[in-house]
Amino acid sequence: MEKFPIINLEKLNGEERNSIMGQINDACENWGFFELVNHGIPHEFLDTVEKMTKEHYRKCMEERFKELVKSKGLDAVQAEVNDIDWESTFFLRHLPVSNIAEIPDLDDEYR
């Protein structure tokens, strides 16, 4: 079984840039996702973002999801709803124009 792509960004700004960009393109086209290593983002910062994301979900989205399940007539799975780590998505972009002001209920620190 083939493993999903892990792309090393260590030499992105060097002579291997075209090769690395090709790996990213291939991963996007053939996998839809990939892992980046040596990207220069401190692990502590990523841990903080993960913590804030989970807190945002718990505070703002979990109850909305449960209400949606009930409104769809899925009361039979209500017990499961309480036991599953449900996730939600929202998309942030900064270029060419940021949409962060359009995302409801984000704390200032999270923004």
Protein backbone atom coordinates (compact mmCIF):
# COMPACT_ATOMS: atom_id res chain seq x y z
CA MET A 1 0.00 0.00 0.00
CA GLU A 2 1.36 3.38 -1.01
CA LYS A 3 1.85 5.98 1.74
CA PHE A 4 0.48 9.48 1.40
CA PRO A 5 2.98 12.17 0.38
CA ILE A 6 5.32 13.73 2.91
CA ILE A 7 6.99 16.78 1.41
CA ASN A 8 10.19 18.25 2.83
CA LEU A 9 10.26 22.05 2.47
CA GLU A 10 13.81 22.43 3.77
CA LYS A 11 15.21 23.31 0.33
CA LEU A 12 12.14 25.08 -1.09
CA ASN A 13 14.05 28.31 -1.63
CA GLY A 14 17.04 26.64 -3.26
CA GLU A 15 17.90 24.77 -6.42
CA GLU A 16 15.34 22.05 -5.65
CA ARG A 17 12.39 24.48 -5.70
CA ASN A 18 10.96 23.19 -9.01
CA SER A 19 11.16 19.59 -7.81
CA ILE A 20 9.45 20.41 -4.50
CA MET A 21 6.73 22.43 -6.24
CA GLY A 22 6.21 19.43 -8.54
CA GLN A 23 5.78 17.18 -5.51
CA ILE A 24 3.17 19.55 -4.09
CA ASN A 25 1.35 19.66 -7.43
CA ASP A 26 1.38 15.88 -7.70
CA ALA A 27 0.15 15.46 -4.13
CA CYS A 28 -2.70 17.90 -4.73
CA GLU A 29 -3.76 16.26 -7.98
CA ASN A 30 -3.38 12.62 -6.96
CA TRP A 31 -3.97 12.60 -3.20
CA GLY A 32 -5.79 15.77 -2.23
CA PHE A 33 -3.64 16.15 0.88
CA PHE A 34 -0.07 15.82 2.10
CA GLU A 35 2.14 16.40 5.12
CA LEU A 36 4.75 19.14 5.15
CA VAL A 37 7.97 18.76 7.15
CA ASN A 38 10.75 21.24 7.80
CA HIS A 39 8.33 24.12 7.12
CA GLY A 40 9.78 26.37 9.79
CA ILE A 41 6.57 26.78 11.81
CA PRO A 42 7.31 26.09 15.49
CA HIS A 43 5.50 23.07 16.94
CA GLU A 44 4.43 25.15 19.94
CA PHE A 45 2.58 27.53 17.61
CA LEU A 46 0.88 24.63 15.81
CA ASP A 47 -0.15 23.18 19.20
CA THR A 48 -1.64 26.57 20.14
CA VAL A 49 -3.60 26.78 16.88
CA GLU A 50 -4.90 23.23 17.37
CA LYS A 51 -5.98 24.06 20.94
CA MET A 52 -7.77 27.24 19.80
CA THR A 53 -9.46 25.36 16.93
CA LYS A 54 -10.80 22.70 19.29
CA GLU A 55 -11.96 25.34 21.74
CA HIS A 56 -13.71 27.28 18.94
CA TYR A 57 -15.49 24.13 17.87
CA ARG A 58 -16.49 23.19 21.41
CA LYS A 59 -17.74 26.69 22.16
CA CYS A 60 -19.39 27.63 18.88
CA MET A 61 -20.08 24.70 16.61
CA GLU A 62 -20.68 21.48 18.52
CA GLU A 63 -24.17 22.47 19.69
CA ARG A 64 -25.10 23.68 16.19
CA PHE A 65 -24.07 20.31 14.80
CA LYS A 66 -26.13 18.42 17.38
CA GLU A 67 -29.15 20.60 16.58
CA LEU A 68 -28.70 19.89 12.88
CA VAL A 69 -28.64 16.13 13.57
CA LYS A 70 -31.89 16.43 15.52
CA SER A 71 -33.53 18.57 12.85
CA LYS A 72 -32.72 15.96 10.20
CA GLY A 73 -34.65 13.32 12.14
CA LEU A 74 -31.55 11.47 13.22
CA ASP A 75 -32.52 11.20 16.88
CA ALA A 76 -31.68 7.49 16.80
CA VAL A 77 -28.00 8.34 16.46
CA GLN A 78 -28.09 10.99 19.20
CA ALA A 79 -26.19 8.69 21.59
CA GLU A 80 -23.46 8.36 19.01
CA VAL A 81 -23.27 12.13 18.59
CA ASN A 82 -22.17 12.47 22.19
CA ASP A 83 -19.40 9.90 21.86
CA ILE A 84 -17.74 10.95 18.60
CA ASP A 85 -15.07 13.58 18.09
CA TRP A 86 -17.04 15.52 15.47
CA GLU A 87 -15.17 17.98 13.35
CA SER A 88 -16.20 20.93 11.28
CA THR A 89 -14.41 22.96 8.71
CA PHE A 90 -14.10 26.56 7.75
CA PHE A 91 -11.72 28.03 5.24
CA LEU A 92 -9.44 30.96 5.90
CA ARG A 93 -7.66 32.75 3.12
CA HIS A 94 -5.43 35.79 3.17
CA LEU A 95 -4.57 36.25 -0.50
CA PRO A 96 -5.66 37.82 -2.68
CA VAL A 97 -8.28 39.07 -0.18
CA SER A 98 -8.67 37.92 3.41
CA ASN A 99 -11.99 36.43 4.51
CA ILE A 100 -11.16 36.20 8.21
CA ALA A 101 -13.67 38.92 9.12
CA GLU A 102 -16.43 36.75 7.62
CA ILE A 103 -15.80 33.81 9.99
CA PRO A 104 -18.26 34.13 12.89
CA ASP A 105 -17.41 33.78 16.55
CA LEU A 106 -13.60 33.77 16.27
CA ASP A 107 -11.79 35.12 19.33
CA ASP A 108 -9.41 38.01 18.65
CA GLU A 109 -6.39 35.87 19.57
CA TYR A 110 -7.52 33.19 17.12
CA ARG A 111 -7.92 35.73 14.33
